[in-house]
Amino acid sequence: MKGPLFYSKILLFGEYGIIKDSKGLSIPYNFFKGALKSDDNLSDEAKKSNSSLDRFAVYLEELSVKNPDLVVFDIVLLKKDVAEGMYFDSSIPQGYGVGSSGALVAAIYDKYAFDKITVLENLTREKLLTLKTVFGKMESFFHGKSSGLDPLNSYLSLPILINSKDNIESTSIPSQNAEGKGAVFLLDSGIVGETAPMVQIFMEQMKEKGFRKMLKEQFIKHTDACVEDFVSGNMSSLFGNLKQLSHVVLDNFKPMIPVEFHKLWKHGIDTNEYYLKLCGSGGGGYILGFTEDFEKAKKSLNGHKLEVVYNF
């Protein structure tokens, strides 16, 4: 048995902000992928995945019983497949902010949900929101609390524009320019990040009035502007807003930025050679970079592993 492939995702804009209704933009990233597979002879890694799926099946059974109007799974078949050695074979790194659990959730929904919403139907806003709700409930098994966006992106393999919590749509983004000097890139921090503790820190900070004010008046304002600029292809305005956003993150989200990257982060803002921002919840994993001149940024970030996600 080998199931269809589900890809990783990158939330270009909206990390933390979407919890508080900022705009967001999420794109599929086909460099990493995963699929459900079965084998009689499991490697240690596959065994770990198999036993995690075993626990996930129990959780999904409870979910089916509690929310039958929302989603019901073929638990008998799922448990049978898990007992026969099913696992999720994935190249998506865990704790890197590119949606490893999202791809798994999408794969399980695709194979085991009864009356599933498929990619081929006319995806009304209502259907997208239903999918997002289902995926949020499924993925909370892994993270404690999930927006459902990662699995949604992986399931649809389309860019998703988040206008607000209850208003999402699939969107198109300007096509890439392979000859262009500008790039969006991933910078590998070399550290695995954990989502739950980072979200915990954010929720603690949200109790402070000053932090809430900054989030609304600066962070969300610049995030929304970046989303609008990127979708409409207004690159000159985008970089002005990115600089502001990078600055706000460095000043207010320090715990989410690995200490050894604070200097690099500031260097980008000071020289305008590149701007860094969080990719996912931070704390490690990938850091997202934007530059108008990738060759220049590469020299400046010499010794670090960079991967281009998008050229313009």
C-alpha atoms as a PDB file:
ATOM      1  CA  MET A   1       0.000   0.000   0.000  1.00  0.00           C
ATOM      2  CA  LYS A   2       1.179   3.494  -0.805  1.00  0.00           C
ATOM      3  CA  GLY A   3      -1.100   6.501  -0.531  1.00  0.00           C
ATOM      4  CA  PRO A   4      -1.037   9.788  -2.485  1.00  0.00           C
ATOM      5  CA  LEU A   5       1.611  12.387  -1.661  1.00  0.00           C
ATOM      6  CA  PHE A   6       0.912  15.335   0.618  1.00  0.00           C
ATOM      7  CA  TYR A   7       3.257  18.293   0.666  1.00  0.00           C
ATOM      8  CA  SER A   8       4.707  20.574   3.298  1.00  0.00           C
ATOM      9  CA  LYS A   9       3.589  24.195   3.556  1.00  0.00           C
ATOM     10  CA  ILE A  10       5.051  27.567   4.375  1.00  0.00           C
ATOM     11  CA  LEU A  11       3.069  30.220   6.161  1.00  0.00           C
ATOM     12  CA  LEU A  12       4.635  33.248   4.481  1.00  0.00           C
ATOM     13  CA  PHE A  13       2.757  35.706   6.677  1.00  0.00           C
ATOM     14  CA  GLY A  14       0.485  35.455   9.667  1.00  0.00           C
ATOM     15  CA  GLU A  15       2.344  33.413  12.309  1.00  0.00           C
ATOM     16  CA  TYR A  16       0.850  34.291  15.733  1.00  0.00           C
ATOM     17  CA  GLY A  17      -1.170  37.106  14.128  1.00  0.00           C
ATOM     18  CA  ILE A  18      -3.802  34.741  12.725  1.00  0.00           C
ATOM     19  CA  ILE A  19      -4.576  33.668  16.295  1.00  0.00           C
ATOM     20  CA  LYS A  20      -5.734  37.266  16.723  1.00  0.00           C
ATOM     21  CA  ASP A  21      -7.396  37.669  13.320  1.00  0.00           C
ATOM     22  CA  SER A  22      -4.603  39.131  11.218  1.00  0.00           C
ATOM     23  CA  LYS A  23      -4.399  38.261   7.540  1.00  0.00           C
ATOM     24  CA  GLY A  24      -2.229  35.336   6.532  1.00  0.00           C
ATOM     25  CA  LEU A  25      -0.841  33.707   3.415  1.00  0.00           C
ATOM     26  CA  SER A  26       0.128  30.066   3.250  1.00  0.00           C
ATOM     27  CA  ILE A  27       1.709  28.348   0.237  1.00  0.00           C
ATOM     28  CA  PRO A  28       2.441  24.677  -0.537  1.00  0.00           C
ATOM     29  CA  TYR A  29       6.139  23.789  -0.539  1.00  0.00           C
ATOM     30  CA  ASN A  30       6.706  20.721  -2.715  1.00  0.00           C
ATOM     31  CA  PHE A  31      10.314  20.174  -1.665  1.00  0.00           C
ATOM     32  CA  PHE A  32       9.122  18.049   1.304  1.00  0.00           C
ATOM     33  CA  LYS A  33       6.371  15.440   1.163  1.00  0.00           C
ATOM     34  CA  GLY A  34       4.831  12.451   2.889  1.00  0.00           C
ATOM     35  CA  ALA A  35       2.578   9.465   2.135  1.00  0.00           C
ATOM     36  CA  LEU A  36       0.900   6.642   4.045  1.00  0.00           C
ATOM     37  CA  LYS A  37       2.676   3.336   3.473  1.00  0.00           C
ATOM     38  CA  SER A  38       2.480  -0.218   4.768  1.00  0.00           C
ATOM     39  CA  ASP A  39       5.254  -2.674   5.426  1.00  0.00           C
ATOM     40  CA  ASP A  40       5.693  -5.981   7.246  1.00  0.00           C
ATOM     41  CA  ASN A  41       9.224  -5.105   8.243  1.00  0.00           C
ATOM     42  CA  LEU A  42       9.257  -1.649   9.851  1.00  0.00           C
ATOM     43  CA  SER A  43      12.364   0.441  10.532  1.00  0.00           C
ATOM     44  CA  ASP A  44      12.649   2.062  13.976  1.00  0.00           C
ATOM     45  CA  GLU A  45      11.446   5.348  12.515  1.00  0.00           C
ATOM     46  CA  ALA A  46       8.441   3.659  10.866  1.00  0.00           C
ATOM     47  CA  LYS A  47       7.630   1.838  14.135  1.00  0.00           C
ATOM     48  CA  LYS A  48       7.485   5.187  15.944  1.00  0.00           C
ATOM     49  CA  SER A  49       5.137   6.542  13.291  1.00  0.00           C
ATOM     50  CA  ASN A  50       3.011   3.378  13.444  1.00  0.00           C
ATOM     51  CA  SER A  51       2.544   3.582  17.218  1.00  0.00           C
ATOM     52  CA  SER A  52       1.713   7.294  16.942  1.00  0.00           C
ATOM     53  CA  LEU A  53      -0.952   6.392  14.324  1.00  0.00           C
ATOM     54  CA  ASP A  54      -2.285   3.788  16.746  1.00  0.00           C
ATOM     55  CA  ARG A  55      -2.874   6.519  19.363  1.00  0.00           C
ATOM     56  CA  PHE A  56      -4.211   8.882  16.700  1.00  0.00           C
ATOM     57  CA  ALA A  57      -6.812   6.258  15.665  1.00  0.00           C
ATOM     58  CA  VAL A  58      -8.145   6.136  19.242  1.00  0.00           C
ATOM     59  CA  TYR A  59      -8.337   9.932  19.289  1.00  0.00           C
ATOM     60  CA  LEU A  60     -10.173  10.027  15.928  1.00  0.00           C
ATOM     61  CA  GLU A  61     -12.643   7.432  17.173  1.00  0.00           C
ATOM     62  CA  GLU A  62     -13.533   9.746  20.077  1.00  0.00           C
ATOM     63  CA  LEU A  63     -13.740  12.693  17.669  1.00  0.00           C
ATOM     64  CA  SER A  64     -16.183  10.757  15.435  1.00  0.00           C
ATOM     65  CA  VAL A  65     -18.375   9.956  18.442  1.00  0.00           C
ATOM     66  CA  LYS A  66     -18.297  13.510  19.847  1.00  0.00           C
ATOM     67  CA  ASN A  67     -18.790  15.376  16.550  1.00  0.00           C
ATOM     68  CA  PRO A  68     -20.683  13.060  14.189  1.00  0.00           C
ATOM     69  CA  ASP A  69     -22.193  16.044  12.364  1.00  0.00           C
ATOM     70  CA  LEU A  70     -18.726  17.360  11.584  1.00  0.00           C
ATOM     71  CA  VAL A  71     -16.758  14.269  10.589  1.00  0.00           C
ATOM     72  CA  VAL A  72     -16.888  10.477  10.907  1.00  0.00           C
ATOM     73  CA  PHE A  73     -13.942   8.204  10.122  1.00  0.00           C
ATOM     74  CA  ASP A  74     -13.773   4.593   9.014  1.00  0.00           C
ATOM     75  CA  ILE A  75     -12.127   3.579  12.279  1.00  0.00           C
ATOM     76  CA  VAL A  76     -12.396  -0.165  11.584  1.00  0.00           C
ATOM     77  CA  LEU A  77     -10.351   0.164   8.397  1.00  0.00           C
ATOM     78  CA  LEU A  78      -7.909   2.641   9.989  1.00  0.00           C
ATOM     79  CA  LYS A  79      -7.215   0.334  12.958  1.00  0.00           C
ATOM     80  CA  LYS A  80      -6.883  -2.665  10.629  1.00  0.00           C
ATOM     81  CA  ASP A  81      -4.321  -0.796   8.458  1.00  0.00           C
ATOM     82  CA  VAL A  82      -2.376   0.367  11.525  1.00  0.00           C
ATOM     83  CA  ALA A  83      -2.335  -3.200  12.888  1.00  0.00           C
ATOM     84  CA  GLU A  84      -0.941  -4.313   9.525  1.00  0.00           C
ATOM     85  CA  GLY A  85       2.010  -1.932   9.784  1.00  0.00           C
ATOM     86  CA  MET A  86       0.853   1.346   8.266  1.00  0.00           C
ATOM     87  CA  TYR A  87       3.070   4.383   8.909  1.00  0.00           C
ATOM     88  CA  PHE A  88       3.571   7.874   7.496  1.00  0.00           C
ATOM     89  CA  ASP A  89       6.668   7.962   5.328  1.00  0.00           C
ATOM     90  CA  SER A  90       7.748  11.582   5.218  1.00  0.00           C
ATOM     91  CA  SER A  91      10.691  13.752   4.247  1.00  0.00           C
ATOM     92  CA  ILE A  92       9.099  16.718   6.069  1.00  0.00           C
ATOM     93  CA  PRO A  93      11.330  17.655   9.013  1.00  0.00           C
ATOM     94  CA  GLN A  94       9.524  17.774  12.359  1.00  0.00           C
ATOM     95  CA  GLY A  95       9.730  20.946  14.456  1.00  0.00           C
ATOM     96  CA  TYR A  96      10.805  23.045  11.460  1.00  0.00           C
ATOM     97  CA  GLY A  97       7.649  25.069  10.868  1.00  0.00           C
ATOM     98  CA  VAL A  98       6.831  23.471   7.514  1.00  0.00           C
ATOM     99  CA  GLY A  99       3.813  21.423   8.585  1.00  0.00           C
ATOM    100  CA  SER A 100       4.883  17.826   9.226  1.00  0.00           C
ATOM    101  CA  SER A 101       1.734  16.963  11.224  1.00  0.00           C
ATOM    102  CA  GLY A 102      -0.393  18.900   8.705  1.00  0.00           C
ATOM    103  CA  ALA A 103       0.547  16.561   5.853  1.00  0.00           C
ATOM    104  CA  LEU A 104      -0.200  13.495   7.990  1.00  0.00           C
ATOM    105  CA  VAL A 105      -3.620  14.864   9.002  1.00  0.00           C
ATOM    106  CA  ALA A 106      -4.440  15.584   5.340  1.00  0.00           C
ATOM    107  CA  ALA A 107      -3.425  12.037   4.331  1.00  0.00           C
ATOM    108  CA  ILE A 108      -5.569  10.410   7.052  1.00  0.00           C
ATOM    109  CA  TYR A 109      -8.611  12.553   6.236  1.00  0.00           C
ATOM    110  CA  ASP A 110      -8.223  11.800   2.538  1.00  0.00           C
ATOM    111  CA  LYS A 111      -8.165   8.039   3.080  1.00  0.00           C
ATOM    112  CA  TYR A 112     -10.488   7.456   6.051  1.00  0.00           C
ATOM    113  CA  ALA A 113     -13.103  10.225   6.333  1.00  0.00           C
ATOM    114  CA  PHE A 114     -16.627   9.308   5.286  1.00  0.00           C
ATOM    115  CA  ASP A 115     -18.395  11.849   3.021  1.00  0.00           C
ATOM    116  CA  LYS A 116     -15.199  13.857   2.683  1.00  0.00           C
ATOM    117  CA  ILE A 117     -15.011  17.211   0.931  1.00  0.00           C
ATOM    118  CA  THR A 118     -12.771  16.646  -2.091  1.00  0.00           C
ATOM    119  CA  VAL A 119     -10.393  18.954  -3.883  1.00  0.00           C
ATOM    120  CA  LEU A 120     -12.364  18.513  -7.094  1.00  0.00           C
ATOM    121  CA  GLU A 121     -15.593  20.081  -5.859  1.00  0.00           C
ATOM    122  CA  ASN A 122     -16.478  23.727  -6.020  1.00  0.00           C
ATOM    123  CA  LEU A 123     -14.745  24.818  -2.827  1.00  0.00           C
ATOM    124  CA  THR A 124     -17.101  27.398  -1.388  1.00  0.00           C
ATOM    125  CA  ARG A 125     -16.000  29.450   1.604  1.00  0.00           C
ATOM    126  CA  GLU A 126     -18.323  27.315   3.735  1.00  0.00           C
ATOM    127  CA  LYS A 127     -16.624  24.079   2.600  1.00  0.00           C
ATOM    128  CA  LEU A 128     -13.171  25.557   3.220  1.00  0.00           C
ATOM    129  CA  LEU A 129     -14.201  26.570   6.736  1.00  0.00           C
ATOM    130  CA  THR A 130     -15.648  23.108   7.412  1.00  0.00           C
ATOM    131  CA  LEU A 131     -12.377  21.521   6.270  1.00  0.00           C
ATOM    132  CA  LYS A 132     -10.368  23.946   8.389  1.00  0.00           C
ATOM    133  CA  THR A 133     -12.504  23.105  11.452  1.00  0.00           C
ATOM    134  CA  VAL A 134     -12.164  19.349  10.891  1.00  0.00           C
ATOM    135  CA  PHE A 135      -8.400  19.649  10.392  1.00  0.00           C
ATOM    136  CA  GLY A 136      -8.040  21.888  13.458  1.00  0.00           C
ATOM    137  CA  LYS A 137      -9.742  19.260  15.630  1.00  0.00           C
ATOM    138  CA  MET A 138      -7.659  16.463  14.098  1.00  0.00           C
ATOM    139  CA  GLU A 139      -4.319  18.273  14.385  1.00  0.00           C
ATOM    140  CA  SER A 140      -4.904  19.340  17.978  1.00  0.00           C
ATOM    141  CA  PHE A 141      -3.944  15.741  18.820  1.00  0.00           C
ATOM    142  CA  PHE A 142      -0.356  16.758  17.967  1.00  0.00           C
ATOM    143  CA  HIS A 143      -0.202  20.408  19.101  1.00  0.00           C
ATOM    144  CA  GLY A 144      -2.809  20.982  21.794  1.00  0.00           C
ATOM    145  CA  LYS A 145      -4.445  23.734  19.722  1.00  0.00           C
ATOM    146  CA  SER A 146      -4.441  24.043  15.960  1.00  0.00           C
ATOM    147  CA  SER A 147      -5.944  26.461  13.459  1.00  0.00           C
ATOM    148  CA  GLY A 148      -6.244  23.646  10.897  1.00  0.00           C
ATOM    149  CA  LEU A 149      -4.460  25.724   8.262  1.00  0.00           C
ATOM    150  CA  ASP A 150      -1.419  23.482   7.758  1.00  0.00           C
ATOM    151  CA  PRO A 151      -3.454  20.392   6.880  1.00  0.00           C
ATOM    152  CA  LEU A 152      -5.782  22.516   4.740  1.00  0.00           C
ATOM    153  CA  ASN A 153      -2.852  23.754   2.697  1.00  0.00           C
ATOM    154  CA  SER A 154      -1.409  20.275   2.389  1.00  0.00           C
ATOM    155  CA  TYR A 155      -4.783  18.775   1.430  1.00  0.00           C
ATOM    156  CA  LEU A 156      -5.610  21.343  -1.256  1.00  0.00           C
ATOM    157  CA  SER A 157      -2.048  22.040  -2.435  1.00  0.00           C
ATOM    158  CA  LEU A 158      -3.096  25.618  -3.225  1.00  0.00           C
ATOM    159  CA  PRO A 159      -2.041  28.986  -1.795  1.00  0.00           C
ATOM    160  CA  ILE A 160      -4.516  30.005   0.901  1.00  0.00           C
ATOM    161  CA  LEU A 161      -5.370  33.570   1.766  1.00  0.00           C
ATOM    162  CA  ILE A 162      -6.595  34.086   5.315  1.00  0.00           C
ATOM    163  CA  ASN A 163      -8.632  37.285   5.566  1.00  0.00           C
ATOM    164  CA  SER A 164      -9.793  36.553   9.101  1.00  0.00           C
ATOM    165  CA  LYS A 165     -10.643  33.515  11.233  1.00  0.00           C
ATOM    166  CA  ASP A 166     -13.921  32.924   9.419  1.00  0.00           C
ATOM    167  CA  ASN A 167     -12.947  34.172   5.999  1.00  0.00           C
ATOM    168  CA  ILE A 168     -10.481  32.093   4.011  1.00  0.00           C
ATOM    169  CA  GLU A 169     -10.136  31.477   0.287  1.00  0.00           C
ATOM    170  CA  SER A 170      -7.811  29.765  -2.126  1.00  0.00           C
ATOM    171  CA  THR A 171      -5.862  32.393  -4.034  1.00  0.00           C
ATOM    172  CA  SER A 172      -3.309  32.771  -6.781  1.00  0.00           C
ATOM    173  CA  ILE A 173       0.048  34.449  -6.224  1.00  0.00           C
ATOM    174  CA  PRO A 174       2.224  36.128  -8.874  1.00  0.00           C
ATOM    175  CA  SER A 175       4.075  33.459 -10.853  1.00  0.00           C
ATOM    176  CA  GLN A 176       7.735  33.017 -10.092  1.00  0.00           C
ATOM    177  CA  ASN A 177      10.413  34.660 -12.149  1.00  0.00           C
ATOM    178  CA  ALA A 178      13.263  32.157 -12.461  1.00  0.00           C
ATOM    179  CA  GLU A 179      15.569  34.918 -13.770  1.00  0.00           C
ATOM    180  CA  GLY A 180      14.730  37.323 -10.936  1.00  0.00           C
ATOM    181  CA  LYS A 181      17.351  38.419  -8.391  1.00  0.00           C
ATOM    182  CA  GLY A 182      14.863  38.523  -5.521  1.00  0.00           C
ATOM    183  CA  ALA A 183      13.957  35.489  -3.430  1.00  0.00           C
ATOM    184  CA  VAL A 184      12.037  34.154  -0.485  1.00  0.00           C
ATOM    185  CA  PHE A 185      14.283  31.624   1.234  1.00  0.00           C
ATOM    186  CA  LEU A 186      14.490  29.309   4.227  1.00  0.00           C
ATOM    187  CA  LEU A 187      17.407  29.667   6.626  1.00  0.00           C
ATOM    188  CA  ASP A 188      18.095  26.491   8.585  1.00  0.00           C
ATOM    189  CA  SER A 189      18.645  27.297  12.271  1.00  0.00           C
ATOM    190  CA  GLY A 190      19.938  23.779  12.868  1.00  0.00           C
ATOM    191  CA  ILE A 191      17.739  23.559  15.982  1.00  0.00           C
ATOM    192  CA  VAL A 192      14.454  21.666  16.300  1.00  0.00           C
ATOM    193  CA  GLY A 193      11.654  23.930  17.500  1.00  0.00           C
ATOM    194  CA  GLU A 194       8.678  22.846  19.592  1.00  0.00           C
ATOM    195  CA  THR A 195       5.362  24.486  18.739  1.00  0.00           C
ATOM    196  CA  ALA A 196       3.516  24.063  22.056  1.00  0.00           C
ATOM    197  CA  PRO A 197       6.047  25.883  24.341  1.00  0.00           C
ATOM    198  CA  MET A 198       6.324  28.796  21.891  1.00  0.00           C
ATOM    199  CA  VAL A 199       2.544  29.204  21.711  1.00  0.00           C
ATOM    200  CA  GLN A 200       2.511  29.035  25.540  1.00  0.00           C
ATOM    201  CA  ILE A 201       5.005  31.943  25.728  1.00  0.00           C
ATOM    202  CA  PHE A 202       2.882  33.932  23.276  1.00  0.00           C
ATOM    203  CA  MET A 203      -0.304  33.317  25.297  1.00  0.00           C
ATOM    204  CA  GLU A 204       1.490  34.487  28.461  1.00  0.00           C
ATOM    205  CA  GLN A 205       2.659  37.652  26.686  1.00  0.00           C
ATOM    206  CA  MET A 206      -0.902  38.270  25.483  1.00  0.00           C
ATOM    207  CA  LYS A 207      -1.900  38.868  29.115  1.00  0.00           C
ATOM    208  CA  GLU A 208       0.091  42.106  29.049  1.00  0.00           C
ATOM    209  CA  LYS A 209      -1.728  45.161  27.777  1.00  0.00           C
ATOM    210  CA  GLY A 210       1.388  46.629  26.121  1.00  0.00           C
ATOM    211  CA  PHE A 211       2.021  43.457  24.160  1.00  0.00           C
ATOM    212  CA  ARG A 212      -1.600  43.305  22.957  1.00  0.00           C
ATOM    213  CA  LYS A 213      -1.383  46.943  21.829  1.00  0.00           C
ATOM    214  CA  MET A 214       1.874  46.265  19.913  1.00  0.00           C
ATOM    215  CA  LEU A 215       0.330  43.196  18.300  1.00  0.00           C
ATOM    216  CA  LYS A 216      -2.663  45.124  17.025  1.00  0.00           C
ATOM    217  CA  GLU A 217      -1.033  48.423  16.076  1.00  0.00           C
ATOM    218  CA  GLN A 218       2.275  47.172  14.683  1.00  0.00           C
ATOM    219  CA  PHE A 219       2.562  43.431  14.134  1.00  0.00           C
ATOM    220  CA  ILE A 220      -0.884  42.848  12.598  1.00  0.00           C
ATOM    221  CA  LYS A 221      -0.789  46.124  10.673  1.00  0.00           C
ATOM    222  CA  HIS A 222       2.506  45.229   8.933  1.00  0.00           C
ATOM    223  CA  THR A 223       1.499  41.570   8.452  1.00  0.00           C
ATOM    224  CA  ASP A 224      -1.728  42.596   6.697  1.00  0.00           C
ATOM    225  CA  ALA A 225       0.165  45.049   4.482  1.00  0.00           C
ATOM    226  CA  CYS A 226       2.743  42.364   3.545  1.00  0.00           C
ATOM    227  CA  VAL A 227      -0.011  39.916   2.559  1.00  0.00           C
ATOM    228  CA  GLU A 228      -1.717  42.516   0.356  1.00  0.00           C
ATOM    229  CA  ASP A 229       1.585  43.523  -1.268  1.00  0.00           C
ATOM    230  CA  PHE A 230       2.669  39.937  -1.938  1.00  0.00           C
ATOM    231  CA  VAL A 231      -0.638  38.789  -3.440  1.00  0.00           C
ATOM    232  CA  SER A 232      -0.830  41.858  -5.690  1.00  0.00           C
ATOM    233  CA  GLY A 233       2.881  41.604  -6.634  1.00  0.00           C
ATOM    234  CA  ASN A 234       3.763  45.057  -5.272  1.00  0.00           C
ATOM    235  CA  MET A 235       7.375  44.212  -4.381  1.00  0.00           C
ATOM    236  CA  SER A 236       8.674  47.710  -3.660  1.00  0.00           C
ATOM    237  CA  SER A 237       5.979  48.334  -1.051  1.00  0.00           C
ATOM    238  CA  LEU A 238       6.427  44.762   0.264  1.00  0.00           C
ATOM    239  CA  PHE A 239      10.047  45.333   1.267  1.00  0.00           C
ATOM    240  CA  GLY A 240       9.213  48.510   3.167  1.00  0.00           C
ATOM    241  CA  ASN A 241       6.593  46.623   5.166  1.00  0.00           C
ATOM    242  CA  LEU A 242       8.875  43.596   5.608  1.00  0.00           C
ATOM    243  CA  LYS A 243      11.556  45.763   7.178  1.00  0.00           C
ATOM    244  CA  GLN A 244       9.034  47.093   9.692  1.00  0.00           C
ATOM    245  CA  LEU A 245       7.702  43.597  10.403  1.00  0.00           C
ATOM    246  CA  SER A 246      11.193  42.133  10.873  1.00  0.00           C
ATOM    247  CA  HIS A 247      11.955  44.939  13.343  1.00  0.00           C
ATOM    248  CA  VAL A 248       8.752  44.404  15.340  1.00  0.00           C
ATOM    249  CA  VAL A 249       9.467  40.659  15.587  1.00  0.00           C
ATOM    250  CA  LEU A 250      13.061  41.221  16.751  1.00  0.00           C
ATOM    251  CA  ASP A 251      11.894  43.695  19.412  1.00  0.00           C
ATOM    252  CA  ASN A 252       8.892  41.750  20.698  1.00  0.00           C
ATOM    253  CA  PHE A 253       9.303  38.046  19.868  1.00  0.00           C
ATOM    254  CA  LYS A 254      12.876  37.482  21.095  1.00  0.00           C
ATOM    255  CA  PRO A 255      12.103  34.181  22.899  1.00  0.00           C
ATOM    256  CA  MET A 256      10.951  32.725  19.552  1.00  0.00           C
ATOM    257  CA  ILE A 257      14.239  33.624  17.807  1.00  0.00           C
ATOM    258  CA  PRO A 258      17.201  31.354  18.639  1.00  0.00           C
ATOM    259  CA  VAL A 259      19.766  33.526  20.458  1.00  0.00           C
ATOM    260  CA  GLU A 260      22.546  32.986  17.921  1.00  0.00           C
ATOM    261  CA  PHE A 261      20.353  34.535  15.213  1.00  0.00           C
ATOM    262  CA  HIS A 262      19.613  37.844  16.957  1.00  0.00           C
ATOM    263  CA  LYS A 263      22.721  39.486  15.418  1.00  0.00           C
ATOM    264  CA  LEU A 264      22.058  38.138  11.918  1.00  0.00           C
ATOM    265  CA  TRP A 265      18.464  39.334  12.188  1.00  0.00           C
ATOM    266  CA  LYS A 266      19.575  42.863  13.095  1.00  0.00           C
ATOM    267  CA  HIS A 267      22.284  42.870  10.412  1.00  0.00           C
ATOM    268  CA  GLY A 268      19.633  42.306   7.737  1.00  0.00           C
ATOM    269  CA  ILE A 269      17.554  45.242   8.978  1.00  0.00           C
ATOM    270  CA  ASP A 270      20.602  47.530   9.260  1.00  0.00           C
ATOM    271  CA  THR A 271      22.015  46.742   5.810  1.00  0.00           C
ATOM    272  CA  ASN A 272      18.747  46.041   3.917  1.00  0.00           C
ATOM    273  CA  GLU A 273      20.493  42.991   2.395  1.00  0.00           C
ATOM    274  CA  TYR A 274      17.695  40.686   3.611  1.00  0.00           C
ATOM    275  CA  TYR A 275      14.878  40.673   6.157  1.00  0.00           C
ATOM    276  CA  LEU A 276      14.144  37.726   8.430  1.00  0.00           C
ATOM    277  CA  LYS A 277      10.881  36.651  10.004  1.00  0.00           C
ATOM    278  CA  LEU A 278       9.512  33.667  11.878  1.00  0.00           C
ATOM    279  CA  CYS A 279       8.508  30.587   9.914  1.00  0.00           C
ATOM    280  CA  GLY A 280       5.786  28.942  11.981  1.00  0.00           C
ATOM    281  CA  SER A 281       6.032  29.278  15.742  1.00  0.00           C
ATOM    282  CA  GLY A 282       9.805  29.811  15.883  1.00  0.00           C
ATOM    283  CA  GLY A 283      12.085  28.557  18.636  1.00  0.00           C
ATOM    284  CA  GLY A 284      14.202  26.793  16.022  1.00  0.00           C
ATOM    285  CA  GLY A 285      13.480  25.064  12.739  1.00  0.00           C
ATOM    286  CA  TYR A 286      13.505  27.323   9.711  1.00  0.00           C
ATOM    287  CA  ILE A 287      13.637  31.100   9.680  1.00  0.00           C
ATOM    288  CA  LEU A 288      12.043  32.764   6.671  1.00  0.00           C
ATOM    289  CA  GLY A 289      14.093  35.288   4.685  1.00  0.00           C
ATOM    290  CA  PHE A 290      13.209  37.815   1.991  1.00  0.00           C
ATOM    291  CA  THR A 291      15.750  39.572  -0.190  1.00  0.00           C
ATOM    292  CA  GLU A 292      15.818  41.707  -3.333  1.00  0.00           C
ATOM    293  CA  ASP A 293      19.252  40.299  -4.189  1.00  0.00           C
ATOM    294  CA  PHE A 294      19.740  36.649  -3.273  1.00  0.00           C
ATOM    295  CA  GLU A 295      23.442  36.546  -4.251  1.00  0.00           C
ATOM    296  CA  LYS A 296      24.157  39.424  -1.869  1.00  0.00           C
ATOM    297  CA  ALA A 297      22.128  37.801   0.921  1.00  0.00           C
ATOM    298  CA  LYS A 298      23.957  34.501   0.361  1.00  0.00           C
ATOM    299  CA  LYS A 299      27.345  36.204   0.845  1.00  0.00           C
ATOM    300  CA  SER A 300      26.070  37.952   3.939  1.00  0.00           C
ATOM    301  CA  LEU A 301      24.717  34.681   5.394  1.00  0.00           C
ATOM    302  CA  ASN A 302      27.776  32.669   4.410  1.00  0.00           C
ATOM    303  CA  GLY A 303      28.112  29.429   6.381  1.00  0.00           C
ATOM    304  CA  HIS A 304      24.334  29.030   6.771  1.00  0.00           C
ATOM    305  CA  LYS A 305      22.158  26.599   4.864  1.00  0.00           C
ATOM    306  CA  LEU A 306      19.692  28.458   2.625  1.00  0.00           C
ATOM    307  CA  GLU A 307      16.931  27.040   0.436  1.00  0.00           C
ATOM    308  CA  VAL A 308      15.077  29.184  -2.089  1.00  0.00           C
ATOM    309  CA  VAL A 309      11.303  28.851  -1.898  1.00  0.00           C
ATOM    310  CA  TYR A 310      10.219  31.463  -4.417  1.00  0.00           C
ATOM    311  CA  ASN A 311      12.007  33.653  -6.995  1.00  0.00           C
ATOM    312  CA  PHE A 312      10.881  37.055  -8.225  1.00  0.00           C
END
